[in-house]
Amino acid sequence: MIRKLRNPKLPNPQLTDAQIDAALRAEHDGILPSSGFADAVMFAVQSEAPAPIPFPWKRAIPGMIAAAGALALLVALLVRVVSADRATAAAGNFGGLRTELAPLLHQAASPDAVWVVVSLAIPLVCLLVMRRVLFSR
Protein backbone atom coordinates (compact mmCIF):
# COMPACT_ATOMS: atom_id res chain seq x y z
CA MET A 1 0.00 0.00 0.00
CA ILE A 2 1.35 3.37 -1.02
CA ARG A 3 1.22 5.99 1.61
CA LYS A 4 0.47 9.49 0.44
CA LEU A 5 2.55 12.25 1.88
CA ARG A 6 0.74 15.38 2.71
CA ASN A 7 2.34 18.56 1.52
CA PRO A 8 0.09 21.46 2.26
CA LYS A 9 0.47 24.12 -0.35
CA LEU A 10 1.01 27.58 0.92
CA PRO A 11 -0.97 30.21 -0.91
CA ASN A 12 1.06 32.62 -3.01
CA PRO A 13 1.22 36.07 -1.49
CA GLN A 14 -0.77 38.62 -3.42
CA LEU A 15 1.41 41.38 -4.82
CA THR A 16 0.05 44.84 -5.16
CA ASP A 17 0.43 46.94 -8.27
CA ALA A 18 2.85 49.22 -6.44
CA GLN A 19 5.14 46.29 -5.57
CA ILE A 20 5.11 45.04 -9.18
CA ASP A 21 5.83 48.53 -10.52
CA ALA A 22 8.69 48.97 -8.04
CA ALA A 23 10.23 45.64 -9.08
CA LEU A 24 9.97 46.49 -12.79
CA ARG A 25 11.36 50.00 -12.29
CA ALA A 26 14.48 48.78 -10.55
CA GLU A 27 17.48 50.42 -12.19
CA HIS A 28 20.00 47.97 -10.86
CA ASP A 29 20.26 44.48 -12.26
CA GLY A 30 22.02 41.72 -10.41
CA ILE A 31 23.70 40.27 -13.53
CA LEU A 32 25.89 42.39 -15.78
CA PRO A 33 27.87 41.03 -18.74
CA SER A 34 31.59 41.65 -18.93
CA SER A 35 32.79 44.63 -20.95
CA GLY A 36 33.64 42.78 -24.19
CA PHE A 37 30.99 40.08 -24.01
CA ALA A 38 28.64 41.49 -26.69
CA ASP A 39 31.52 42.14 -29.10
CA ALA A 40 32.91 38.63 -28.58
CA VAL A 41 29.52 37.04 -29.19
CA MET A 42 28.89 39.08 -32.35
CA PHE A 43 32.39 38.24 -33.67
CA ALA A 44 31.77 34.52 -33.05
CA VAL A 45 28.38 34.66 -34.78
CA GLN A 46 29.79 36.49 -37.81
CA SER A 47 32.76 34.15 -38.11
CA GLU A 48 30.51 31.06 -38.12
CA ALA A 49 27.86 32.49 -40.44
CA PRO A 50 28.02 31.20 -44.03
CA ALA A 51 28.86 33.57 -46.85
CA PRO A 52 25.88 35.35 -48.39
CA ILE A 53 24.34 33.66 -51.40
CA PRO A 54 25.15 35.57 -54.61
CA PHE A 55 22.33 36.67 -56.87
CA PRO A 56 21.85 34.19 -59.79
CA TRP A 57 22.42 36.64 -62.64
CA LYS A 58 22.80 33.86 -65.22
CA ARG A 59 19.26 32.67 -64.50
CA ALA A 60 17.79 36.18 -64.26
CA ILE A 61 19.18 37.53 -67.55
CA PRO A 62 16.70 35.68 -69.84
CA GLY A 63 13.78 37.03 -67.81
CA MET A 64 15.17 40.55 -68.00
CA ILE A 65 15.63 40.22 -71.76
CA ALA A 66 12.06 38.97 -72.14
CA ALA A 67 10.74 41.85 -70.02
CA ALA A 68 12.72 44.37 -72.06
CA GLY A 69 11.38 42.81 -75.29
CA ALA A 70 7.80 42.99 -74.04
CA LEU A 71 8.30 46.61 -73.04
CA ALA A 72 9.75 47.40 -76.48
CA LEU A 73 6.76 45.75 -78.18
CA LEU A 74 4.37 47.74 -76.00
CA VAL A 75 6.14 51.00 -76.85
CA ALA A 76 6.12 50.12 -80.56
CA LEU A 77 2.39 49.37 -80.42
CA LEU A 78 1.67 52.64 -78.65
CA VAL A 79 3.76 54.59 -81.18
CA ARG A 80 1.90 52.89 -84.02
CA VAL A 81 -1.51 53.66 -82.51
CA VAL A 82 -0.62 57.28 -81.77
CA SER A 83 0.89 57.87 -85.22
CA ALA A 84 -2.14 56.29 -86.91
CA ASP A 85 -4.43 58.43 -84.75
CA ARG A 86 -2.52 61.59 -85.73
CA ALA A 87 -2.64 60.65 -89.40
CA THR A 88 -6.39 60.12 -89.34
CA ALA A 89 -6.88 63.31 -87.29
CA ALA A 90 -4.89 65.26 -89.89
CA ALA A 91 -7.16 63.82 -92.59
CA GLY A 92 -10.21 65.00 -90.66
CA ASN A 93 -11.30 61.57 -89.44
CA PHE A 94 -11.20 61.31 -85.61
CA GLY A 95 -11.93 57.58 -85.33
CA GLY A 96 -8.31 56.42 -85.77
CA LEU A 97 -7.71 55.24 -82.24
CA ARG A 98 -10.96 53.32 -82.21
CA THR A 99 -10.25 51.66 -85.55
CA GLU A 100 -6.75 50.61 -84.40
CA LEU A 101 -7.88 49.22 -81.05
CA ALA A 102 -11.04 47.47 -82.27
CA PRO A 103 -9.22 44.43 -83.77
CA LEU A 104 -7.08 44.10 -80.63
CA LEU A 105 -10.13 44.18 -78.38
CA HIS A 106 -11.92 41.68 -80.62
CA GLN A 107 -8.95 39.29 -80.39
CA ALA A 108 -8.76 39.78 -76.61
CA ALA A 109 -12.40 38.72 -76.26
CA SER A 110 -11.94 35.56 -78.30
CA PRO A 111 -12.28 32.17 -76.53
CA ASP A 112 -8.62 31.38 -77.22
CA ALA A 113 -7.48 34.49 -75.36
CA VAL A 114 -9.81 33.72 -72.47
CA TRP A 115 -8.34 30.22 -72.12
CA VAL A 116 -4.82 31.62 -72.23
CA VAL A 117 -5.67 34.02 -69.43
CA VAL A 118 -7.30 31.23 -67.41
CA SER A 119 -4.30 28.95 -67.93
CA LEU A 120 -2.01 31.70 -66.68
CA ALA A 121 -4.25 32.61 -63.74
CA ILE A 122 -4.54 29.08 -62.31
CA PRO A 123 -0.80 28.65 -61.48
CA LEU A 124 -0.68 32.22 -60.18
CA VAL A 125 -3.56 31.54 -57.79
CA CYS A 126 -1.92 28.27 -56.69
CA LEU A 127 1.35 30.07 -55.97
CA LEU A 128 -0.40 32.81 -54.00
CA VAL A 129 -2.33 30.28 -51.90
CA MET A 130 0.82 28.25 -51.27
CA ARG A 131 2.72 31.39 -50.26
CA ARG A 132 -0.02 32.40 -47.85
CA VAL A 133 -0.19 28.91 -46.31
CA LEU A 134 3.57 28.47 -45.95
CA PHE A 135 4.57 31.97 -44.89
CA SER A 136 1.59 33.00 -42.78
CA ARG A 137 3.41 32.25 -39.55
C-alpha atoms as a PDB file:
ATOM      1  CA  MET A   1       0.000   0.000   0.000  1.00  0.00           C
ATOM      2  CA  ILE A   2       1.351   3.373  -1.023  1.00  0.00           C
ATOM      3  CA  ARG A   3       1.216   5.986   1.609  1.00  0.00           C
ATOM      4  CA  LYS A   4       0.465   9.492   0.442  1.00  0.00           C
ATOM      5  CA  LEU A   5       2.546  12.251   1.880  1.00  0.00           C
ATOM      6  CA  ARG A   6       0.741  15.383   2.709  1.00  0.00           C
ATOM      7  CA  ASN A   7       2.338  18.564   1.519  1.00  0.00           C
ATOM      8  CA  PRO A   8       0.089  21.461   2.259  1.00  0.00           C
ATOM      9  CA  LYS A   9       0.472  24.116  -0.352  1.00  0.00           C
ATOM     10  CA  LEU A  10       1.006  27.579   0.924  1.00  0.00           C
ATOM     11  CA  PRO A  11      -0.974  30.210  -0.911  1.00  0.00           C
ATOM     12  CA  ASN A  12       1.056  32.621  -3.014  1.00  0.00           C
ATOM     13  CA  PRO A  13       1.216  36.069  -1.487  1.00  0.00           C
ATOM     14  CA  GLN A  14      -0.772  38.622  -3.422  1.00  0.00           C
ATOM     15  CA  LEU A  15       1.408  41.384  -4.815  1.00  0.00           C
ATOM     16  CA  THR A  16       0.055  44.843  -5.158  1.00  0.00           C
ATOM     17  CA  ASP A  17       0.428  46.937  -8.269  1.00  0.00           C
ATOM     18  CA  ALA A  18       2.846  49.218  -6.437  1.00  0.00           C
ATOM     19  CA  GLN A  19       5.140  46.286  -5.566  1.00  0.00           C
ATOM     20  CA  ILE A  20       5.108  45.039  -9.180  1.00  0.00           C
ATOM     21  CA  ASP A  21       5.832  48.529 -10.520  1.00  0.00           C
ATOM     22  CA  ALA A  22       8.689  48.969  -8.037  1.00  0.00           C
ATOM     23  CA  ALA A  23      10.228  45.643  -9.085  1.00  0.00           C
ATOM     24  CA  LEU A  24       9.969  46.491 -12.792  1.00  0.00           C
ATOM     25  CA  ARG A  25      11.362  50.003 -12.286  1.00  0.00           C
ATOM     26  CA  ALA A  26      14.476  48.779 -10.553  1.00  0.00           C
ATOM     27  CA  GLU A  27      17.475  50.415 -12.191  1.00  0.00           C
ATOM     28  CA  HIS A  28      20.000  47.966 -10.859  1.00  0.00           C
ATOM     29  CA  ASP A  29      20.256  44.484 -12.264  1.00  0.00           C
ATOM     30  CA  GLY A  30      22.017  41.721 -10.409  1.00  0.00           C
ATOM     31  CA  ILE A  31      23.697  40.269 -13.533  1.00  0.00           C
ATOM     32  CA  LEU A  32      25.886  42.386 -15.778  1.00  0.00           C
ATOM     33  CA  PRO A  33      27.871  41.033 -18.742  1.00  0.00           C
ATOM     34  CA  SER A  34      31.594  41.655 -18.933  1.00  0.00           C
ATOM     35  CA  SER A  35      32.793  44.628 -20.953  1.00  0.00           C
ATOM     36  CA  GLY A  36      33.642  42.777 -24.191  1.00  0.00           C
ATOM     37  CA  PHE A  37      30.989  40.078 -24.013  1.00  0.00           C
ATOM     38  CA  ALA A  38      28.639  41.487 -26.693  1.00  0.00           C
ATOM     39  CA  ASP A  39      31.523  42.140 -29.098  1.00  0.00           C
ATOM     40  CA  ALA A  40      32.915  38.632 -28.578  1.00  0.00           C
ATOM     41  CA  VAL A  41      29.517  37.037 -29.190  1.00  0.00           C
ATOM     42  CA  MET A  42      28.892  39.079 -32.355  1.00  0.00           C
ATOM     43  CA  PHE A  43      32.386  38.243 -33.667  1.00  0.00           C
ATOM     44  CA  ALA A  44      31.766  34.521 -33.047  1.00  0.00           C
ATOM     45  CA  VAL A  45      28.380  34.658 -34.784  1.00  0.00           C
ATOM     46  CA  GLN A  46      29.788  36.489 -37.808  1.00  0.00           C
ATOM     47  CA  SER A  47      32.765  34.149 -38.106  1.00  0.00           C
ATOM     48  CA  GLU A  48      30.507  31.059 -38.116  1.00  0.00           C
ATOM     49  CA  ALA A  49      27.858  32.487 -40.442  1.00  0.00           C
ATOM     50  CA  PRO A  50      28.019  31.197 -44.027  1.00  0.00           C
ATOM     51  CA  ALA A  51      28.862  33.566 -46.845  1.00  0.00           C
ATOM     52  CA  PRO A  52      25.883  35.352 -48.391  1.00  0.00           C
ATOM     53  CA  ILE A  53      24.338  33.656 -51.402  1.00  0.00           C
ATOM     54  CA  PRO A  54      25.145  35.565 -54.607  1.00  0.00           C
ATOM     55  CA  PHE A  55      22.330  36.666 -56.868  1.00  0.00           C
ATOM     56  CA  PRO A  56      21.851  34.186 -59.786  1.00  0.00           C
ATOM     57  CA  TRP A  57      22.416  36.644 -62.639  1.00  0.00           C
ATOM     58  CA  LYS A  58      22.796  33.863 -65.222  1.00  0.00           C
ATOM     59  CA  ARG A  59      19.264  32.673 -64.499  1.00  0.00           C
ATOM     60  CA  ALA A  60      17.786  36.177 -64.263  1.00  0.00           C
ATOM     61  CA  ILE A  61      19.177  37.534 -67.553  1.00  0.00           C
ATOM     62  CA  PRO A  62      16.695  35.677 -69.838  1.00  0.00           C
ATOM     63  CA  GLY A  63      13.782  37.026 -67.808  1.00  0.00           C
ATOM     64  CA  MET A  64      15.165  40.545 -68.004  1.00  0.00           C
ATOM     65  CA  ILE A  65      15.631  40.224 -71.756  1.00  0.00           C
ATOM     66  CA  ALA A  66      12.056  38.971 -72.141  1.00  0.00           C
ATOM     67  CA  ALA A  67      10.737  41.849 -70.022  1.00  0.00           C
ATOM     68  CA  ALA A  68      12.721  44.370 -72.065  1.00  0.00           C
ATOM     69  CA  GLY A  69      11.378  42.814 -75.294  1.00  0.00           C
ATOM     70  CA  ALA A  70       7.798  42.985 -74.041  1.00  0.00           C
ATOM     71  CA  LEU A  71       8.303  46.614 -73.038  1.00  0.00           C
ATOM     72  CA  ALA A  72       9.752  47.400 -76.476  1.00  0.00           C
ATOM     73  CA  LEU A  73       6.765  45.747 -78.179  1.00  0.00           C
ATOM     74  CA  LEU A  74       4.371  47.737 -76.003  1.00  0.00           C
ATOM     75  CA  VAL A  75       6.137  50.999 -76.848  1.00  0.00           C
ATOM     76  CA  ALA A  76       6.123  50.125 -80.563  1.00  0.00           C
ATOM     77  CA  LEU A  77       2.393  49.366 -80.422  1.00  0.00           C
ATOM     78  CA  LEU A  78       1.673  52.643 -78.654  1.00  0.00           C
ATOM     79  CA  VAL A  79       3.759  54.589 -81.182  1.00  0.00           C
ATOM     80  CA  ARG A  80       1.899  52.889 -84.022  1.00  0.00           C
ATOM     81  CA  VAL A  81      -1.509  53.661 -82.511  1.00  0.00           C
ATOM     82  CA  VAL A  82      -0.620  57.282 -81.772  1.00  0.00           C
ATOM     83  CA  SER A  83       0.887  57.866 -85.223  1.00  0.00           C
ATOM     84  CA  ALA A  84      -2.138  56.291 -86.905  1.00  0.00           C
ATOM     85  CA  ASP A  85      -4.431  58.427 -84.754  1.00  0.00           C
ATOM     86  CA  ARG A  86      -2.517  61.588 -85.728  1.00  0.00           C
ATOM     87  CA  ALA A  87      -2.639  60.649 -89.405  1.00  0.00           C
ATOM     88  CA  THR A  88      -6.390  60.122 -89.344  1.00  0.00           C
ATOM     89  CA  ALA A  89      -6.883  63.310 -87.295  1.00  0.00           C
ATOM     90  CA  ALA A  90      -4.892  65.257 -89.894  1.00  0.00           C
ATOM     91  CA  ALA A  91      -7.155  63.821 -92.591  1.00  0.00           C
ATOM     92  CA  GLY A  92     -10.211  65.000 -90.657  1.00  0.00           C
ATOM     93  CA  ASN A  93     -11.296  61.569 -89.440  1.00  0.00           C
ATOM     94  CA  PHE A  94     -11.198  61.305 -85.612  1.00  0.00           C
ATOM     95  CA  GLY A  95     -11.929  57.581 -85.331  1.00  0.00           C
ATOM     96  CA  GLY A  96      -8.308  56.419 -85.770  1.00  0.00           C
ATOM     97  CA  LEU A  97      -7.708  55.245 -82.241  1.00  0.00           C
ATOM     98  CA  ARG A  98     -10.960  53.320 -82.206  1.00  0.00           C
ATOM     99  CA  THR A  99     -10.249  51.662 -85.550  1.00  0.00           C
ATOM    100  CA  GLU A 100      -6.749  50.607 -84.398  1.00  0.00           C
ATOM    101  CA  LEU A 101      -7.879  49.218 -81.050  1.00  0.00           C
ATOM    102  CA  ALA A 102     -11.039  47.475 -82.274  1.00  0.00           C
ATOM    103  CA  PRO A 103      -9.220  44.431 -83.768  1.00  0.00           C
ATOM    104  CA  LEU A 104      -7.080  44.096 -80.635  1.00  0.00           C
ATOM    105  CA  LEU A 105     -10.129  44.180 -78.380  1.00  0.00           C
ATOM    106  CA  HIS A 106     -11.915  41.683 -80.621  1.00  0.00           C
ATOM    107  CA  GLN A 107      -8.951  39.292 -80.387  1.00  0.00           C
ATOM    108  CA  ALA A 108      -8.757  39.780 -76.612  1.00  0.00           C
ATOM    109  CA  ALA A 109     -12.399  38.719 -76.259  1.00  0.00           C
ATOM    110  CA  SER A 110     -11.944  35.562 -78.301  1.00  0.00           C
ATOM    111  CA  PRO A 111     -12.281  32.171 -76.532  1.00  0.00           C
ATOM    112  CA  ASP A 112      -8.624  31.384 -77.223  1.00  0.00           C
ATOM    113  CA  ALA A 113      -7.481  34.489 -75.363  1.00  0.00           C
ATOM    114  CA  VAL A 114      -9.806  33.717 -72.471  1.00  0.00           C
ATOM    115  CA  TRP A 115      -8.341  30.220 -72.123  1.00  0.00           C
ATOM    116  CA  VAL A 116      -4.818  31.618 -72.233  1.00  0.00           C
ATOM    117  CA  VAL A 117      -5.673  34.025 -69.428  1.00  0.00           C
ATOM    118  CA  VAL A 118      -7.304  31.235 -67.412  1.00  0.00           C
ATOM    119  CA  SER A 119      -4.297  28.946 -67.929  1.00  0.00           C
ATOM    120  CA  LEU A 120      -2.006  31.704 -66.677  1.00  0.00           C
ATOM    121  CA  ALA A 121      -4.247  32.605 -63.740  1.00  0.00           C
ATOM    122  CA  ILE A 122      -4.537  29.077 -62.313  1.00  0.00           C
ATOM    123  CA  PRO A 123      -0.803  28.653 -61.481  1.00  0.00           C
ATOM    124  CA  LEU A 124      -0.683  32.216 -60.182  1.00  0.00           C
ATOM    125  CA  VAL A 125      -3.556  31.539 -57.792  1.00  0.00           C
ATOM    126  CA  CYS A 126      -1.922  28.270 -56.691  1.00  0.00           C
ATOM    127  CA  LEU A 127       1.349  30.068 -55.972  1.00  0.00           C
ATOM    128  CA  LEU A 128      -0.399  32.809 -54.001  1.00  0.00           C
ATOM    129  CA  VAL A 129      -2.328  30.282 -51.904  1.00  0.00           C
ATOM    130  CA  MET A 130       0.824  28.247 -51.274  1.00  0.00           C
ATOM    131  CA  ARG A 131       2.716  31.395 -50.260  1.00  0.00           C
ATOM    132  CA  ARG A 132      -0.025  32.400 -47.847  1.00  0.00           C
ATOM    133  CA  VAL A 133      -0.187  28.914 -46.308  1.00  0.00           C
ATOM    134  CA  LEU A 134       3.565  28.475 -45.954  1.00  0.00           C
ATOM    135  CA  PHE A 135       4.574  31.969 -44.888  1.00  0.00           C
ATOM    136  CA  SER A 136       1.586  33.001 -42.779  1.00  0.00           C
ATOM    137  CA  ARG A 137       3.412  32.252 -39.546  1.00  0.00           C
END
